[in-house]
Amino acid sequence: MQYNDLLEILAEQFDCEPDDLTEDTDLTEDLGADELDATELAWNVGEGIGREVPQEDMAACRTVGDVWRYICENTWHTAQGSF
């Protein structure tokens, strides 16, 4: 998965443009994410990286950057790119 792939996932899920997202975009404050969104994001990220992502891991992520760091730390061989 590349960083742009994550931006596409988030843009689709939260009905915004990928260019509007930065590493500091707050999932709750800026995008209005709730518990259901964390579950959906865990599913979508899991599909992107080819492994199950626990919902509580995504719920602990506060920003786009947090989600990307989670991906990088948990999929060193598949995550490519940076902010």
Protein backbone atom coordinates (compact mmCIF):
# COMPACT_ATOMS: atom_id res chain seq x y z
CA MET A 1 0.00 0.00 0.00
CA GLN A 2 1.20 3.48 -0.77
CA TYR A 3 0.35 6.70 1.04
CA ASN A 4 -1.82 7.84 -1.88
CA ASP A 5 -3.81 4.60 -1.57
CA LEU A 6 -4.60 5.51 2.03
CA LEU A 7 -5.68 8.99 0.97
CA GLU A 8 -8.00 7.45 -1.63
CA ILE A 9 -9.53 5.12 0.98
CA LEU A 10 -10.11 8.01 3.37
CA ALA A 11 -11.47 10.31 0.66
CA GLU A 12 -13.97 7.70 -0.44
CA GLN A 13 -15.03 6.81 3.09
CA PHE A 14 -15.41 10.41 4.24
CA ASP A 15 -16.62 11.91 0.97
CA CYS A 16 -13.81 14.41 0.49
CA GLU A 17 -10.93 15.00 -1.91
CA PRO A 18 -7.58 13.28 -1.31
CA ASP A 19 -5.85 16.64 -1.84
CA ASP A 20 -7.76 18.03 1.16
CA LEU A 21 -6.13 15.48 3.49
CA THR A 22 -2.80 15.98 5.25
CA GLU A 23 -0.96 13.95 7.84
CA ASP A 24 -2.44 16.29 10.47
CA THR A 25 -6.05 15.87 9.38
CA ASP A 26 -7.92 14.77 12.50
CA LEU A 27 -10.23 11.85 11.80
CA THR A 28 -12.79 12.89 14.41
CA GLU A 29 -12.52 16.68 14.43
CA ASP A 30 -12.02 17.25 10.70
CA LEU A 31 -13.72 14.23 9.13
CA GLY A 32 -16.38 13.45 11.73
CA ALA A 33 -15.28 9.84 12.28
CA ASP A 34 -17.12 7.79 14.87
CA GLU A 35 -16.86 4.21 16.13
CA LEU A 36 -18.57 2.81 13.04
CA ASP A 37 -16.13 4.72 10.83
CA ALA A 38 -13.21 3.19 12.73
CA THR A 39 -14.62 -0.27 12.02
CA GLU A 40 -15.04 0.55 8.33
CA LEU A 41 -11.57 2.08 8.16
CA ALA A 42 -10.08 -1.03 9.78
CA TRP A 43 -11.79 -3.15 7.13
CA ASN A 44 -10.67 -0.91 4.25
CA VAL A 45 -7.08 -0.66 5.45
CA GLY A 46 -7.03 -4.40 6.06
CA GLU A 47 -8.15 -4.99 2.48
CA GLY A 48 -5.41 -2.67 1.28
CA ILE A 49 -2.62 -4.34 3.21
CA GLY A 50 -3.87 -7.90 2.94
CA ARG A 51 -4.29 -8.61 6.63
CA GLU A 52 -6.84 -8.11 9.35
CA VAL A 53 -6.67 -4.81 11.22
CA PRO A 54 -8.34 -4.70 14.65
CA GLN A 55 -11.01 -2.00 14.93
CA GLU A 56 -9.50 -0.83 18.22
CA ASP A 57 -6.20 -0.13 16.44
CA MET A 58 -7.93 2.21 14.00
CA ALA A 59 -9.98 3.75 16.82
CA ALA A 60 -6.69 4.65 18.53
CA CYS A 61 -5.52 6.57 15.45
CA ARG A 62 -6.36 10.25 15.73
CA THR A 63 -4.93 11.63 12.47
CA VAL A 64 -4.21 10.53 8.92
CA GLY A 65 -0.55 10.42 9.93
CA ASP A 66 -1.36 8.03 12.78
CA VAL A 67 -3.10 5.67 10.35
CA TRP A 68 -0.13 5.81 7.95
CA ARG A 69 2.34 5.14 10.79
CA TYR A 70 0.21 2.17 11.86
CA ILE A 71 0.33 0.81 8.31
CA CYS A 72 4.09 1.33 8.06
CA GLU A 73 4.79 -0.25 11.45
CA ASN A 74 2.60 -3.27 10.76
CA THR A 75 3.36 -3.95 7.10
CA TRP A 76 7.00 -3.02 6.55
CA HIS A 77 7.12 -5.01 3.32
CA THR A 78 3.99 -3.53 1.69
CA ALA A 79 3.81 0.12 2.76
CA GLN A 80 5.61 2.51 0.45
CA GLY A 81 6.00 6.25 0.41
CA SER A 82 5.73 8.97 2.95
CA PHE A 83 3.76 12.07 3.79
